[in-house]
Amino acid sequence: MSAPEDQRPQFNPLARRSWTDLGPRFASAIVLLVMAGVGLYFGSYVFAALVAVVFAGCYREWERMVTLKPLTTVGGALIGLLVIAALIYPALGSLASLAAVAAAAVVAGFGSAGTRLWRIGGVVFYGIVIIALLLVRGEATWNQPGAFDSGLWAGLLLGCVVWATDTGAYFTGRQVGGEKLAPDISPSKTWSGAIGGFALGTLVGLVVWLLVVPQSPWWVGLALCAALSILGQVGDLAESAIKRRFRIKDSGDIIPGHGGLMDRLDSLTLSSIFLCAVGFLHTGMDAVASGFLFW
């Protein structure tokens, strides 16, 4: 015997939507975009300082996550070495930054046995991200008449793809819902969100590509932007898997609506390494951004 019509559970298409965090997320995103824009525009020590603060903060959250303890002397030293790795780049170049990251890996080896590999992995990974971003931005020439600052535009392209991917995934996932993408890793992520993020990220990236380097083939831009979008989502899932390993929901609470710095910047990590690697393989260490943009 079936239940009366008015007693049957009703499907509410709005039930899956939860927009209570939209205001804080939007305000935080604006602040972060302004900071990133200023750093990219001025480059050099300004951008290096921004990268130093942000990714040293990411490692601070990593340190707390893997040790489950207050910051120790070893942890403080690792954070300091990552800051140094970023700040010395404008004066001494990438090899000096790499030496600072290597020193951090050695210091991490003196930590407790249970967290040693996680610490080494953290400083090496974030050190690589720091160097990749600094190589992409390079030394600014934006104030020279007629100069084309490849680093500025490559950084803009990267930021637009990552931001559009995150935005598309967030809104599509909340609006459409559907089957979970990886329920054992991140229960909130859906296939619809992943597809929406990929579509918007790739499209926005292609538009920026056509505006910035119209002389480069559009299909190269399409492929590269698609790869950046996919890697952005892979980075997000990887961070979720690590947080699940240590049984934490958010890496921190410094950014309203987003959580910690790791939570906000996980999408940027693998995509920035990819951009740097492509540029390096194409034209070498001295012209990473140009190697990515010009084909």
Protein backbone atom coordinates (compact mmCIF):
# COMPACT_ATOMS: atom_id res chain seq x y z
CA MET A 1 0.00 0.00 0.00
CA SER A 2 1.52 3.29 -1.04
CA ALA A 3 1.70 6.37 1.14
CA PRO A 4 -0.74 9.22 0.46
CA GLU A 5 0.54 11.68 -2.08
CA ASP A 6 0.97 14.47 0.47
CA GLN A 7 3.07 12.22 2.78
CA ARG A 8 5.58 11.07 0.18
CA PRO A 9 9.03 12.62 0.42
CA GLN A 10 9.25 15.41 -2.11
CA PHE A 11 12.35 16.09 -4.18
CA ASN A 12 13.57 19.60 -3.68
CA PRO A 13 16.00 20.70 -6.41
CA LEU A 14 17.28 23.44 -4.11
CA ALA A 15 18.15 21.04 -1.29
CA ARG A 16 21.65 20.35 -2.58
CA ARG A 17 22.46 24.01 -2.83
CA SER A 18 24.15 25.59 0.15
CA TRP A 19 25.27 29.14 -0.48
CA THR A 20 25.85 30.29 3.09
CA ASP A 21 29.60 30.51 2.51
CA LEU A 22 29.31 32.42 -0.76
CA GLY A 23 29.71 35.87 0.78
CA PRO A 24 32.93 35.11 2.71
CA ARG A 25 34.30 33.16 -0.24
CA PHE A 26 33.65 36.04 -2.61
CA ALA A 27 35.18 38.66 -0.30
CA SER A 28 38.24 36.52 0.33
CA ALA A 29 38.63 35.82 -3.38
CA ILE A 30 38.63 39.55 -4.17
CA VAL A 31 41.37 40.21 -1.60
CA LEU A 32 43.47 37.32 -2.90
CA LEU A 33 43.03 38.39 -6.53
CA VAL A 34 44.13 41.95 -5.72
CA MET A 35 47.21 40.69 -3.87
CA ALA A 36 48.10 38.33 -6.70
CA GLY A 37 47.56 41.06 -9.30
CA VAL A 38 49.81 43.52 -7.49
CA GLY A 39 52.53 40.91 -7.07
CA LEU A 40 52.37 39.86 -10.71
CA TYR A 41 52.38 43.42 -11.97
CA PHE A 42 55.45 44.57 -10.08
CA GLY A 43 57.30 41.24 -10.13
CA SER A 44 60.85 41.05 -8.76
CA TYR A 45 61.08 41.39 -4.95
CA VAL A 46 57.38 42.25 -4.60
CA PHE A 47 56.31 38.99 -6.21
CA ALA A 48 59.06 37.06 -4.42
CA ALA A 49 57.86 38.42 -1.06
CA LEU A 50 54.26 37.47 -1.87
CA VAL A 51 55.29 33.93 -2.85
CA ALA A 52 57.47 33.68 0.28
CA VAL A 53 54.68 34.64 2.65
CA VAL A 54 51.99 32.56 0.99
CA PHE A 55 53.87 29.31 0.56
CA ALA A 56 55.74 29.53 3.83
CA GLY A 57 52.23 29.82 5.28
CA CYS A 58 51.21 26.72 3.33
CA TYR A 59 54.13 24.80 4.77
CA ARG A 60 53.22 26.07 8.25
CA GLU A 61 49.85 24.40 7.84
CA TRP A 62 51.52 21.28 6.43
CA GLU A 63 53.85 21.14 9.44
CA ARG A 64 50.97 21.32 11.90
CA MET A 65 49.02 18.72 9.94
CA VAL A 66 51.75 16.07 9.74
CA THR A 67 53.10 16.55 13.27
CA LEU A 68 49.80 17.21 15.06
CA LYS A 69 51.79 19.42 17.43
CA PRO A 70 52.53 23.12 17.97
CA LEU A 71 55.32 24.56 15.85
CA THR A 72 58.75 23.24 16.84
CA THR A 73 62.23 24.67 16.32
CA VAL A 74 62.77 22.38 13.32
CA GLY A 75 59.44 23.45 11.84
CA GLY A 76 60.31 27.13 12.30
CA ALA A 77 63.66 26.59 10.59
CA LEU A 78 61.97 24.92 7.62
CA ILE A 79 59.55 27.81 7.23
CA GLY A 80 62.44 30.28 7.40
CA LEU A 81 64.41 28.42 4.73
CA LEU A 82 61.42 28.44 2.37
CA VAL A 83 61.09 32.19 2.88
CA ILE A 84 64.79 32.57 2.07
CA ALA A 85 64.41 30.38 -1.02
CA ALA A 86 61.85 32.82 -2.41
CA LEU A 87 63.47 36.09 -1.37
CA ILE A 88 66.93 35.35 -2.73
CA TYR A 89 65.64 34.51 -6.20
CA PRO A 90 65.60 38.08 -7.63
CA ALA A 91 69.23 38.63 -6.57
CA LEU A 92 70.85 35.22 -6.93
CA GLY A 93 68.59 33.21 -9.23
CA SER A 94 67.00 29.79 -9.20
CA LEU A 95 70.10 27.80 -8.27
CA ALA A 96 70.42 29.72 -5.01
CA SER A 97 66.74 29.13 -4.32
CA LEU A 98 67.22 25.44 -5.04
CA ALA A 99 70.15 25.34 -2.59
CA ALA A 100 67.92 26.82 0.14
CA VAL A 101 65.26 24.17 -0.55
CA ALA A 102 67.92 21.44 -0.43
CA ALA A 103 69.11 22.82 2.92
CA ALA A 104 65.52 22.68 4.16
CA ALA A 105 65.28 19.03 3.11
CA VAL A 106 68.44 18.26 5.09
CA VAL A 107 67.09 20.05 8.17
CA ALA A 108 63.80 18.17 7.82
CA GLY A 109 65.79 14.94 8.06
CA PHE A 110 66.66 15.78 11.67
CA GLY A 111 63.02 15.66 12.72
CA SER A 112 61.34 12.76 14.46
CA ALA A 113 61.27 9.48 12.56
CA GLY A 114 57.48 9.35 12.35
CA THR A 115 57.19 12.67 10.51
CA ARG A 116 60.56 12.86 8.73
CA LEU A 117 59.43 11.76 5.28
CA TRP A 118 56.31 13.94 5.41
CA ARG A 119 58.40 16.96 6.38
CA ILE A 120 60.96 16.32 3.64
CA GLY A 121 58.19 15.79 1.10
CA GLY A 122 56.47 18.99 2.18
CA VAL A 123 59.50 21.29 1.98
CA VAL A 124 60.64 19.78 -1.32
CA PHE A 125 57.18 20.06 -2.87
CA TYR A 126 56.50 23.61 -1.74
CA GLY A 127 60.08 24.56 -2.58
CA ILE A 128 59.55 23.34 -6.14
CA VAL A 129 56.28 25.28 -6.37
CA ILE A 130 58.03 28.44 -5.13
CA ILE A 131 60.83 28.12 -7.68
CA ALA A 132 58.37 27.27 -10.48
CA LEU A 133 56.30 30.38 -9.83
CA LEU A 134 59.37 32.61 -9.63
CA LEU A 135 60.75 31.18 -12.86
CA VAL A 136 57.42 31.74 -14.59
CA ARG A 137 57.25 35.37 -13.45
CA GLY A 138 60.94 36.01 -14.13
CA GLU A 139 62.40 39.49 -13.99
CA ALA A 140 59.89 42.18 -14.90
CA THR A 141 60.32 44.50 -17.91
CA TRP A 142 56.77 45.88 -17.83
CA ASN A 143 57.94 49.49 -17.46
CA GLN A 144 60.09 49.48 -20.60
CA PRO A 145 58.36 51.03 -23.62
CA GLY A 146 57.16 48.42 -26.06
CA ALA A 147 58.28 45.54 -23.86
CA PHE A 148 56.22 42.35 -23.73
CA ASP A 149 56.50 40.94 -20.23
CA SER A 150 55.97 37.23 -20.80
CA GLY A 151 56.13 36.49 -17.08
CA LEU A 152 53.28 38.85 -16.29
CA TRP A 153 51.02 37.39 -18.97
CA ALA A 154 51.92 33.76 -18.27
CA GLY A 155 51.15 34.36 -14.60
CA LEU A 156 47.85 35.99 -15.54
CA LEU A 157 46.94 33.05 -17.76
CA LEU A 158 47.76 30.57 -15.00
CA GLY A 159 45.74 32.49 -12.44
CA CYS A 160 42.74 32.84 -14.74
CA VAL A 161 42.63 29.13 -15.57
CA VAL A 162 42.95 28.06 -11.93
CA TRP A 163 40.43 30.62 -10.67
CA ALA A 164 37.90 29.81 -13.42
CA THR A 165 38.30 26.07 -12.81
CA ASP A 166 37.66 26.46 -9.08
CA THR A 167 34.72 28.78 -9.73
CA GLY A 168 33.15 26.55 -12.37
CA ALA A 169 33.53 23.47 -10.19
CA TYR A 170 32.05 25.23 -7.16
CA PHE A 171 28.95 26.59 -8.86
CA THR A 172 28.29 23.61 -11.12
CA GLY A 173 28.74 21.15 -8.29
CA ARG A 174 26.40 23.09 -6.01
CA GLN A 175 23.79 23.70 -8.72
CA VAL A 176 23.78 20.37 -10.54
CA GLY A 177 25.09 17.91 -7.97
CA GLY A 178 25.02 14.29 -9.05
CA GLU A 179 27.42 11.41 -8.71
CA LYS A 180 30.41 11.89 -6.43
CA LEU A 181 33.81 12.23 -8.07
CA ALA A 182 35.90 10.61 -5.34
CA PRO A 183 33.72 9.98 -2.26
CA ASP A 184 36.52 8.30 -0.30
CA ILE A 185 38.74 11.35 -0.76
CA SER A 186 36.44 14.37 -0.94
CA PRO A 187 32.71 13.64 -0.43
CA SER A 188 31.65 17.12 -1.59
CA LYS A 189 33.18 16.90 -5.08
CA THR A 190 31.01 15.70 -7.97
CA TRP A 191 31.56 14.73 -11.57
CA SER A 192 29.36 17.60 -12.65
CA GLY A 193 31.56 20.03 -10.73
CA ALA A 194 34.72 18.56 -12.25
CA ILE A 195 33.30 18.84 -15.77
CA GLY A 196 31.98 22.36 -15.17
CA GLY A 197 35.31 23.47 -13.74
CA PHE A 198 37.22 21.95 -16.63
CA ALA A 199 34.95 23.57 -19.22
CA LEU A 200 35.05 27.05 -17.69
CA GLY A 201 38.75 26.94 -16.86
CA THR A 202 39.71 25.82 -20.35
CA LEU A 203 37.41 28.34 -22.04
CA VAL A 204 38.61 31.29 -19.95
CA GLY A 205 42.21 30.24 -20.48
CA LEU A 206 41.73 30.02 -24.24
CA VAL A 207 40.21 33.51 -24.34
CA VAL A 208 43.18 34.92 -22.41
CA TRP A 209 45.57 33.02 -24.69
CA LEU A 210 43.97 34.48 -27.84
CA LEU A 211 44.14 37.99 -26.41
CA VAL A 212 47.71 37.76 -25.12
CA VAL A 213 49.47 35.70 -27.81
CA PRO A 214 47.26 35.71 -30.90
CA GLN A 215 50.30 34.77 -32.98
CA SER A 216 50.55 31.38 -31.24
CA PRO A 217 48.29 28.55 -32.52
CA TRP A 218 44.93 28.47 -30.79
CA TRP A 219 44.97 24.69 -30.53
CA VAL A 220 48.23 24.80 -28.56
CA GLY A 221 46.60 27.23 -26.15
CA LEU A 222 43.53 25.01 -25.89
CA ALA A 223 45.61 21.94 -25.06
CA LEU A 224 47.80 23.76 -22.53
CA CYS A 225 44.87 25.43 -20.80
CA ALA A 226 43.02 22.12 -20.63
CA ALA A 227 46.07 20.53 -19.01
CA LEU A 228 46.34 23.39 -16.50
CA SER A 229 42.67 22.99 -15.59
CA ILE A 230 42.93 19.23 -15.12
CA LEU A 231 46.09 19.52 -13.02
CA GLY A 232 44.42 22.17 -10.91
CA GLN A 233 41.70 19.70 -9.99
CA VAL A 234 44.22 16.89 -9.47
CA GLY A 235 46.12 19.12 -7.05
CA ASP A 236 42.89 19.82 -5.19
CA LEU A 237 42.10 16.10 -4.91
CA ALA A 238 45.66 15.27 -3.84
CA GLU A 239 45.47 17.76 -0.99
CA SER A 240 42.07 16.34 0.03
CA ALA A 241 43.56 12.84 0.09
CA ILE A 242 46.41 13.97 2.34
CA LYS A 243 44.01 15.76 4.68
CA ARG A 244 41.89 12.62 4.81
CA ARG A 245 45.05 10.67 5.71
CA PHE A 246 45.57 12.94 8.73
CA ARG A 247 41.82 13.17 9.48
CA ILE A 248 41.40 16.92 9.19
CA LYS A 249 38.75 18.83 7.24
CA ASP A 250 40.53 22.14 6.62
CA SER A 251 44.24 22.87 6.74
CA GLY A 252 43.51 26.11 8.61
CA ASP A 253 41.05 28.95 9.02
CA ILE A 254 43.03 31.98 7.89
CA ILE A 255 40.85 32.62 4.81
CA PRO A 256 37.13 33.09 5.54
CA GLY A 257 34.99 30.77 3.42
CA HIS A 258 37.99 28.83 2.13
CA GLY A 259 39.84 27.45 5.13
CA GLY A 260 43.62 27.53 5.09
CA LEU A 261 46.19 28.61 2.54
CA MET A 262 46.68 25.00 1.47
CA ASP A 263 42.95 24.70 0.86
CA ARG A 264 42.97 27.78 -1.36
CA LEU A 265 46.22 27.21 -3.25
CA ASP A 266 46.17 23.44 -3.79
CA SER A 267 44.86 23.98 -7.33
CA LEU A 268 47.81 26.22 -8.15
CA THR A 269 50.61 23.84 -7.19
CA LEU A 270 50.69 21.16 -9.90
CA SER A 271 49.52 23.56 -12.60
CA SER A 272 52.35 26.01 -11.87
CA ILE A 273 54.91 23.19 -11.97
CA PHE A 274 53.47 22.05 -15.32
CA LEU A 275 53.62 25.56 -16.79
CA CYS A 276 57.24 25.92 -15.67
CA ALA A 277 58.19 22.49 -17.00
CA VAL A 278 56.67 23.12 -20.43
CA GLY A 279 58.37 26.50 -20.75
CA PHE A 280 61.69 25.09 -19.57
CA LEU A 281 61.60 22.16 -21.99
CA HIS A 282 60.63 24.45 -24.87
CA THR A 283 63.09 27.33 -24.49
CA GLY A 284 65.23 26.72 -21.38
CA MET A 285 65.54 28.12 -17.87
CA ASP A 286 66.04 31.76 -18.89
CA ALA A 287 62.75 32.14 -20.77
CA VAL A 288 60.20 29.88 -19.09
CA ALA A 289 57.19 32.12 -19.64
CA SER A 290 58.06 32.82 -23.28
CA GLY A 291 58.58 29.10 -23.84
CA PHE A 292 55.06 28.43 -22.63
CA LEU A 293 53.39 31.25 -24.56
CA PHE A 294 55.16 31.39 -27.92
CA TRP A 295 54.92 28.52 -30.42
